[in-house]
Amino acid sequence: MSVVDAPPGLDFAGPAAGEFRSRPGPRRLARFAFAMCLLDTALAFSLAAKKFYQVGTTMLFVGSLFCLSMAAVGLAVRS
């Protein structure tokens, strides 16, 4: 399952049978995971800002933004 159901220009054949709606448990888990990643990203940014010129701070920035973007895609798919 992805955020985009069909590539541009390709439509589904026939009438739509209905809309997909995920169950409440996975939706709640996706919201929780996104909130935790947002909190972890803010914490990682604050730690990296204090020691900006040390080795490895770039990995804190990039790694936390990557995890946040993956959690955002998960939230978009489940909502």
PDB file of N, CA and C in Angstrom:
ATOM      1  N   MET A   1       0.841  -1.160   0.000  1.00  0.00           N
ATOM      2  CA  MET A   1       0.000   0.000   0.000  1.00  0.00           C
ATOM      3  C   MET A   1       0.890   1.227   0.000  1.00  0.00           C
ATOM      4  N   SER A   2       0.512   2.203  -0.759  1.00  0.00           N
ATOM      5  CA  SER A   2       1.305   3.426  -0.815  1.00  0.00           C
ATOM      6  C   SER A   2       0.383   4.627  -0.702  1.00  0.00           C
ATOM      7  N   VAL A   3       0.981   5.802  -0.643  1.00  0.00           N
ATOM      8  CA  VAL A   3       0.197   7.025  -0.533  1.00  0.00           C
ATOM      9  C   VAL A   3      -0.562   7.276  -1.824  1.00  0.00           C
ATOM     10  N   VAL A   4       0.052   6.959  -2.954  1.00  0.00           N
ATOM     11  CA  VAL A   4      -0.588   7.143  -4.259  1.00  0.00           C
ATOM     12  C   VAL A   4      -1.047   5.776  -4.751  1.00  0.00           C
ATOM     13  N   ASP A   5      -2.332   5.668  -5.086  1.00  0.00           N
ATOM     14  CA  ASP A   5      -2.878   4.369  -5.464  1.00  0.00           C
ATOM     15  C   ASP A   5      -2.560   3.977  -6.902  1.00  0.00           C
ATOM     16  N   ALA A   6      -2.577   4.909  -7.826  1.00  0.00           N
ATOM     17  CA  ALA A   6      -2.350   4.593  -9.227  1.00  0.00           C
ATOM     18  C   ALA A   6      -1.404   5.629  -9.828  1.00  0.00           C
ATOM     19  N   PRO A   7      -0.591   5.212 -10.793  1.00  0.00           N
ATOM     20  CA  PRO A   7       0.281   6.175 -11.440  1.00  0.00           C
ATOM     21  C   PRO A   7      -0.532   7.208 -12.224  1.00  0.00           C
ATOM     22  N   PRO A   8       0.029   8.388 -12.448  1.00  0.00           N
ATOM     23  CA  PRO A   8      -0.717   9.402 -13.205  1.00  0.00           C
ATOM     24  C   PRO A   8      -1.063   8.916 -14.605  1.00  0.00           C
ATOM     25  N   GLY A   9      -2.253   9.190 -15.032  1.00  0.00           N
ATOM     26  CA  GLY A   9      -2.703   8.792 -16.362  1.00  0.00           C
ATOM     27  C   GLY A   9      -3.355   7.427 -16.417  1.00  0.00           C
ATOM     28  N   LEU A  10      -3.173   6.599 -15.426  1.00  0.00           N
ATOM     29  CA  LEU A  10      -3.805   5.282 -15.397  1.00  0.00           C
ATOM     30  C   LEU A  10      -4.951   5.302 -14.397  1.00  0.00           C
ATOM     31  N   ASP A  11      -6.131   5.092 -14.874  1.00  0.00           N
ATOM     32  CA  ASP A  11      -7.290   5.048 -13.990  1.00  0.00           C
ATOM     33  C   ASP A  11      -7.668   3.598 -13.739  1.00  0.00           C
ATOM     34  N   PHE A  12      -8.431   3.399 -12.693  1.00  0.00           N
ATOM     35  CA  PHE A  12      -8.926   2.059 -12.413  1.00  0.00           C
ATOM     36  C   PHE A  12     -10.086   1.752 -13.348  1.00  0.00           C
ATOM     37  N   ALA A  13     -10.155   0.518 -13.781  1.00  0.00           N
ATOM     38  CA  ALA A  13     -11.233   0.121 -14.680  1.00  0.00           C
ATOM     39  C   ALA A  13     -12.518  -0.067 -13.895  1.00  0.00           C
ATOM     40  N   GLY A  14     -13.582   0.486 -14.393  1.00  0.00           N
ATOM     41  CA  GLY A  14     -14.879   0.309 -13.754  1.00  0.00           C
ATOM     42  C   GLY A  14     -15.127   1.288 -12.626  1.00  0.00           C
ATOM     43  N   PRO A  15     -16.303   1.214 -12.030  1.00  0.00           N
ATOM     44  CA  PRO A  15     -16.638   2.125 -10.935  1.00  0.00           C
ATOM     45  C   PRO A  15     -15.890   1.763  -9.654  1.00  0.00           C
ATOM     46  N   ALA A  16     -15.695   2.754  -8.836  1.00  0.00           N
ATOM     47  CA  ALA A  16     -15.011   2.514  -7.561  1.00  0.00           C
ATOM     48  C   ALA A  16     -15.915   1.715  -6.632  1.00  0.00           C
ATOM     49  N   ALA A  17     -15.367   0.696  -6.014  1.00  0.00           N
ATOM     50  CA  ALA A  17     -16.153  -0.165  -5.146  1.00  0.00           C
ATOM     51  C   ALA A  17     -16.318   0.426  -3.756  1.00  0.00           C
ATOM     52  N   GLY A  18     -15.440   1.316  -3.368  1.00  0.00           N
ATOM     53  CA  GLY A  18     -15.512   1.909  -2.039  1.00  0.00           C
ATOM     54  C   GLY A  18     -14.191   2.554  -1.681  1.00  0.00           C
ATOM     55  N   GLU A  19     -14.122   3.066  -0.505  1.00  0.00           N
ATOM     56  CA  GLU A  19     -12.910   3.713  -0.044  1.00  0.00           C
ATOM     57  C   GLU A  19     -12.246   2.849   1.018  1.00  0.00           C
ATOM     58  N   PHE A  20     -10.922   2.916   1.053  1.00  0.00           N
ATOM     59  CA  PHE A  20     -10.181   2.177   2.053  1.00  0.00           C
ATOM     60  C   PHE A  20     -10.132   2.997   3.337  1.00  0.00           C
ATOM     61  N   ARG A  21     -10.371   2.359   4.445  1.00  0.00           N
ATOM     62  CA  ARG A  21     -10.230   2.995   5.751  1.00  0.00           C
ATOM     63  C   ARG A  21      -9.584   1.975   6.667  1.00  0.00           C
ATOM     64  N   SER A  22      -8.430   2.341   7.210  1.00  0.00           N
ATOM     65  CA  SER A  22      -7.734   1.387   8.073  1.00  0.00           C
ATOM     66  C   SER A  22      -8.426   1.301   9.425  1.00  0.00           C
ATOM     67  N   ARG A  23      -8.122   0.244  10.127  1.00  0.00           N
ATOM     68  CA  ARG A  23      -8.739   0.028  11.430  1.00  0.00           C
ATOM     69  C   ARG A  23      -8.219   1.041  12.450  1.00  0.00           C
ATOM     70  N   PRO A  24      -8.919   1.252  13.539  1.00  0.00           N
ATOM     71  CA  PRO A  24      -8.502   2.265  14.520  1.00  0.00           C
ATOM     72  C   PRO A  24      -7.163   1.968  15.191  1.00  0.00           C
ATOM     73  N   GLY A  25      -6.835   0.704  15.398  1.00  0.00           N
ATOM     74  CA  GLY A  25      -5.578   0.356  16.060  1.00  0.00           C
ATOM     75  C   GLY A  25      -4.346   0.824  15.285  1.00  0.00           C
ATOM     76  N   PRO A  26      -4.240   0.475  13.990  1.00  0.00           N
ATOM     77  CA  PRO A  26      -3.094   0.956  13.212  1.00  0.00           C
ATOM     78  C   PRO A  26      -3.061   2.476  13.057  1.00  0.00           C
ATOM     79  N   ARG A  27      -4.231   3.109  12.961  1.00  0.00           N
ATOM     80  CA  ARG A  27      -4.253   4.585  12.876  1.00  0.00           C
ATOM     81  C   ARG A  27      -3.712   5.196  14.155  1.00  0.00           C
ATOM     82  N   ARG A  28      -4.119   4.664  15.285  1.00  0.00           N
ATOM     83  CA  ARG A  28      -3.650   5.169  16.579  1.00  0.00           C
ATOM     84  C   ARG A  28      -2.144   4.934  16.728  1.00  0.00           C
ATOM     85  N   LEU A  29      -1.670   3.780  16.290  1.00  0.00           N
ATOM     86  CA  LEU A  29      -0.243   3.472  16.349  1.00  0.00           C
ATOM     87  C   LEU A  29       0.568   4.397  15.435  1.00  0.00           C
ATOM     88  N   ALA A  30       0.047   4.717  14.258  1.00  0.00           N
ATOM     89  CA  ALA A  30       0.741   5.623  13.342  1.00  0.00           C
ATOM     90  C   ALA A  30       0.822   7.029  13.928  1.00  0.00           C
ATOM     91  N   ARG A  31      -0.254   7.482  14.560  1.00  0.00           N
ATOM     92  CA  ARG A  31      -0.224   8.811  15.206  1.00  0.00           C
ATOM     93  C   ARG A  31       0.773   8.836  16.357  1.00  0.00           C
ATOM     94  N   PHE A  32       0.810   7.768  17.139  1.00  0.00           N
ATOM     95  CA  PHE A  32       1.749   7.686  18.253  1.00  0.00           C
ATOM     96  C   PHE A  32       3.194   7.654  17.758  1.00  0.00           C
ATOM     97  N   ALA A  33       3.452   6.872  16.706  1.00  0.00           N
ATOM     98  CA  ALA A  33       4.808   6.782  16.160  1.00  0.00           C
ATOM     99  C   ALA A  33       5.252   8.118  15.587  1.00  0.00           C
ATOM    100  N   PHE A  34       4.347   8.831  14.933  1.00  0.00           N
ATOM    101  CA  PHE A  34       4.699  10.144  14.393  1.00  0.00           C
ATOM    102  C   PHE A  34       4.992  11.135  15.514  1.00  0.00           C
ATOM    103  N   ALA A  35       4.189  11.100  16.568  1.00  0.00           N
ATOM    104  CA  ALA A  35       4.420  12.008  17.699  1.00  0.00           C
ATOM    105  C   ALA A  35       5.752  11.704  18.382  1.00  0.00           C
ATOM    106  N   MET A  36       6.078  10.421  18.536  1.00  0.00           N
ATOM    107  CA  MET A  36       7.363  10.062  19.149  1.00  0.00           C
ATOM    108  C   MET A  36       8.534  10.471  18.266  1.00  0.00           C
ATOM    109  N   CYS A  37       8.405  10.295  16.963  1.00  0.00           N
ATOM    110  CA  CYS A  37       9.475  10.713  16.048  1.00  0.00           C
ATOM    111  C   CYS A  37       9.629  12.228  16.046  1.00  0.00           C
ATOM    112  N   LEU A  38       8.532  12.956  16.164  1.00  0.00           N
ATOM    113  CA  LEU A  38       8.604  14.412  16.235  1.00  0.00           C
ATOM    114  C   LEU A  38       9.317  14.849  17.504  1.00  0.00           C
ATOM    115  N   LEU A  39       9.012  14.205  18.606  1.00  0.00           N
ATOM    116  CA  LEU A  39       9.683  14.509  19.867  1.00  0.00           C
ATOM    117  C   LEU A  39      11.167  14.142  19.805  1.00  0.00           C
ATOM    118  N   ASP A  40      11.476  12.986  19.241  1.00  0.00           N
ATOM    119  CA  ASP A  40      12.876  12.560  19.115  1.00  0.00           C
ATOM    120  C   ASP A  40      13.661  13.471  18.175  1.00  0.00           C
ATOM    121  N   THR A  41      13.019  13.948  17.123  1.00  0.00           N
ATOM    122  CA  THR A  41      13.691  14.869  16.199  1.00  0.00           C
ATOM    123  C   THR A  41      14.005  16.183  16.883  1.00  0.00           C
ATOM    124  N   ALA A  42      13.073  16.693  17.664  1.00  0.00           N
ATOM    125  CA  ALA A  42      13.326  17.943  18.390  1.00  0.00           C
ATOM    126  C   ALA A  42      14.465  17.754  19.396  1.00  0.00           C
ATOM    127  N   LEU A  43      14.489  16.630  20.071  1.00  0.00           N
ATOM    128  CA  LEU A  43      15.562  16.351  21.013  1.00  0.00           C
ATOM    129  C   LEU A  43      16.912  16.209  20.307  1.00  0.00           C
ATOM    130  N   ALA A  44      16.928  15.506  19.181  1.00  0.00           N
ATOM    131  CA  ALA A  44      18.171  15.337  18.427  1.00  0.00           C
ATOM    132  C   ALA A  44      18.672  16.667  17.883  1.00  0.00           C
ATOM    133  N   PHE A  45      17.764  17.522  17.429  1.00  0.00           N
ATOM    134  CA  PHE A  45      18.171  18.838  16.932  1.00  0.00           C
ATOM    135  C   PHE A  45      18.747  19.694  18.053  1.00  0.00           C
ATOM    136  N   SER A  46      18.148  19.619  19.236  1.00  0.00           N
ATOM    137  CA  SER A  46      18.672  20.417  20.341  1.00  0.00           C
ATOM    138  C   SER A  46      20.039  19.907  20.792  1.00  0.00           C
ATOM    139  N   LEU A  47      20.233  18.585  20.788  1.00  0.00           N
ATOM    140  CA  LEU A  47      21.546  18.035  21.139  1.00  0.00           C
ATOM    141  C   LEU A  47      22.593  18.374  20.080  1.00  0.00           C
ATOM    142  N   ALA A  48      22.210  18.305  18.821  1.00  0.00           N
ATOM    143  CA  ALA A  48      23.157  18.574  17.752  1.00  0.00           C
ATOM    144  C   ALA A  48      23.492  20.067  17.665  1.00  0.00           C
ATOM    145  N   ALA A  49      22.563  20.926  18.029  1.00  0.00           N
ATOM    146  CA  ALA A  49      22.819  22.361  17.967  1.00  0.00           C
ATOM    147  C   ALA A  49      23.839  22.785  19.022  1.00  0.00           C
ATOM    148  N   LYS A  50      23.866  22.100  20.151  1.00  0.00           N
ATOM    149  CA  LYS A  50      24.837  22.432  21.194  1.00  0.00           C
ATOM    150  C   LYS A  50      26.247  22.041  20.790  1.00  0.00           C
ATOM    151  N   LYS A  51      26.389  20.960  20.042  1.00  0.00           N
ATOM    152  CA  LYS A  51      27.702  20.458  19.628  1.00  0.00           C
ATOM    153  C   LYS A  51      27.773  20.430  18.102  1.00  0.00           C
ATOM    154  N   PHE A  52      27.522  21.573  17.492  1.00  0.00           N
ATOM    155  CA  PHE A  52      27.327  21.640  16.045  1.00  0.00           C
ATOM    156  C   PHE A  52      28.574  21.248  15.258  1.00  0.00           C
ATOM    157  N   TYR A  53      29.744  21.571  15.735  1.00  0.00           N
ATOM    158  CA  TYR A  53      30.957  21.330  14.961  1.00  0.00           C
ATOM    159  C   TYR A  53      31.665  20.029  15.319  1.00  0.00           C
ATOM    160  N   GLN A  54      31.043  19.171  16.074  1.00  0.00           N
ATOM    161  CA  GLN A  54      31.649  17.879  16.372  1.00  0.00           C
ATOM    162  C   GLN A  54      31.312  16.870  15.287  1.00  0.00           C
ATOM    163  N   VAL A  55      32.111  15.820  15.247  1.00  0.00           N
ATOM    164  CA  VAL A  55      31.892  14.765  14.257  1.00  0.00           C
ATOM    165  C   VAL A  55      30.625  13.991  14.628  1.00  0.00           C
ATOM    166  N   GLY A  56      29.776  13.747  13.661  1.00  0.00           N
ATOM    167  CA  GLY A  56      28.573  12.951  13.880  1.00  0.00           C
ATOM    168  C   GLY A  56      27.297  13.748  14.036  1.00  0.00           C
ATOM    169  N   THR A  57      27.398  15.074  14.150  1.00  0.00           N
ATOM    170  CA  THR A  57      26.151  15.838  14.307  1.00  0.00           C
ATOM    171  C   THR A  57      25.338  15.862  13.026  1.00  0.00           C
ATOM    172  N   THR A  58      26.011  15.753  11.887  1.00  0.00           N
ATOM    173  CA  THR A  58      25.278  15.693  10.623  1.00  0.00           C
ATOM    174  C   THR A  58      24.405  14.448  10.579  1.00  0.00           C
ATOM    175  N   MET A  59      24.905  13.364  11.133  1.00  0.00           N
ATOM    176  CA  MET A  59      24.125  12.125  11.170  1.00  0.00           C
ATOM    177  C   MET A  59      22.891  12.282  12.055  1.00  0.00           C
ATOM    178  N   LEU A  60      22.998  13.067  13.112  1.00  0.00           N
ATOM    179  CA  LEU A  60      21.819  13.332  13.953  1.00  0.00           C
ATOM    180  C   LEU A  60      20.752  14.071  13.162  1.00  0.00           C
ATOM    181  N   PHE A  61      21.169  15.086  12.404  1.00  0.00           N
ATOM    182  CA  PHE A  61      20.205  15.843  11.607  1.00  0.00           C
ATOM    183  C   PHE A  61      19.556  14.963  10.540  1.00  0.00           C
ATOM    184  N   VAL A  62      20.379  14.289   9.766  1.00  0.00           N
ATOM    185  CA  VAL A  62      19.874  13.501   8.647  1.00  0.00           C
ATOM    186  C   VAL A  62      19.072  12.293   9.129  1.00  0.00           C
ATOM    187  N   GLY A  63      19.575  11.601  10.123  1.00  0.00           N
ATOM    188  CA  GLY A  63      18.883  10.413  10.622  1.00  0.00           C
ATOM    189  C   GLY A  63      17.525  10.731  11.227  1.00  0.00           C
ATOM    190  N   SER A  64      17.468  11.814  11.996  1.00  0.00           N
ATOM    191  CA  SER A  64      16.182  12.156  12.613  1.00  0.00           C
ATOM    192  C   SER A  64      15.180  12.654  11.581  1.00  0.00           C
ATOM    193  N   LEU A  65      15.628  13.394  10.576  1.00  0.00           N
ATOM    194  CA  LEU A  65      14.705  13.831   9.528  1.00  0.00           C
ATOM    195  C   LEU A  65      14.220  12.660   8.677  1.00  0.00           C
ATOM    196  N   PHE A  66      15.089  11.685   8.453  1.00  0.00           N
ATOM    197  CA  PHE A  66      14.678  10.495   7.706  1.00  0.00           C
ATOM    198  C   PHE A  66      13.606   9.721   8.467  1.00  0.00           C
ATOM    199  N   CYS A  67      13.828   9.514   9.754  1.00  0.00           N
ATOM    200  CA  CYS A  67      12.840   8.791  10.561  1.00  0.00           C
ATOM    201  C   CYS A  67      11.518   9.551  10.631  1.00  0.00           C
ATOM    202  N   LEU A  68      11.599  10.866  10.732  1.00  0.00           N
ATOM    203  CA  LEU A  68      10.379  11.679  10.769  1.00  0.00           C
ATOM    204  C   LEU A  68       9.620  11.594   9.447  1.00  0.00           C
ATOM    205  N   SER A  69      10.341  11.597   8.330  1.00  0.00           N
ATOM    206  CA  SER A  69       9.661  11.507   7.038  1.00  0.00           C
ATOM    207  C   SER A  69       9.015  10.128   6.837  1.00  0.00           C
ATOM    208  N   MET A  70       9.663   9.066   7.307  1.00  0.00           N
ATOM    209  CA  MET A  70       9.060   7.733   7.198  1.00  0.00           C
ATOM    210  C   MET A  70       7.813   7.624   8.092  1.00  0.00           C
ATOM    211  N   ALA A  71       7.853   8.233   9.258  1.00  0.00           N
ATOM    212  CA  ALA A  71       6.678   8.223  10.132  1.00  0.00           C
ATOM    213  C   ALA A  71       5.550   9.049   9.525  1.00  0.00           C
ATOM    214  N   ALA A  72       5.907  10.128   8.816  1.00  0.00           N
ATOM    215  CA  ALA A  72       4.881  10.945   8.158  1.00  0.00           C
ATOM    216  C   ALA A  72       4.218  10.183   7.017  1.00  0.00           C
ATOM    217  N   VAL A  73       4.982   9.408   6.281  1.00  0.00           N
ATOM    218  CA  VAL A  73       4.387   8.585   5.212  1.00  0.00           C
ATOM    219  C   VAL A  73       3.472   7.522   5.818  1.00  0.00           C
ATOM    220  N   GLY A  74       3.901   6.905   6.899  1.00  0.00           N
ATOM    221  CA  GLY A  74       3.058   5.922   7.580  1.00  0.00           C
ATOM    222  C   GLY A  74       1.759   6.534   8.080  1.00  0.00           C
ATOM    223  N   LEU A  75       1.857   7.744   8.610  1.00  0.00           N
ATOM    224  CA  LEU A  75       0.651   8.448   9.075  1.00  0.00           C
ATOM    225  C   LEU A  75      -0.265   8.799   7.911  1.00  0.00           C
ATOM    226  N   ALA A  76       0.316   9.221   6.794  1.00  0.00           N
ATOM    227  CA  ALA A  76      -0.498   9.552   5.619  1.00  0.00           C
ATOM    228  C   ALA A  76      -1.203   8.332   5.053  1.00  0.00           C
ATOM    229  N   VAL A  77      -0.543   7.192   5.070  1.00  0.00           N
ATOM    230  CA  VAL A  77      -1.147   5.977   4.545  1.00  0.00           C
ATOM    231  C   VAL A  77      -2.278   5.505   5.452  1.00  0.00           C
ATOM    232  N   ARG A  78      -2.093   5.622   6.735  1.00  0.00           N
ATOM    233  CA  ARG A  78      -3.083   5.095   7.683  1.00  0.00           C
ATOM    234  C   ARG A  78      -4.219   6.054   7.980  1.00  0.00           C
ATOM    235  N   SER A  79      -4.123   7.300   7.559  1.00  0.00           N
ATOM    236  CA  SER A  79      -5.241   8.214   7.846  1.00  0.00           C
ATOM    237  C   SER A  79      -6.108   8.452   6.635  1.00  0.00           C
TER     238      SER A  79
END
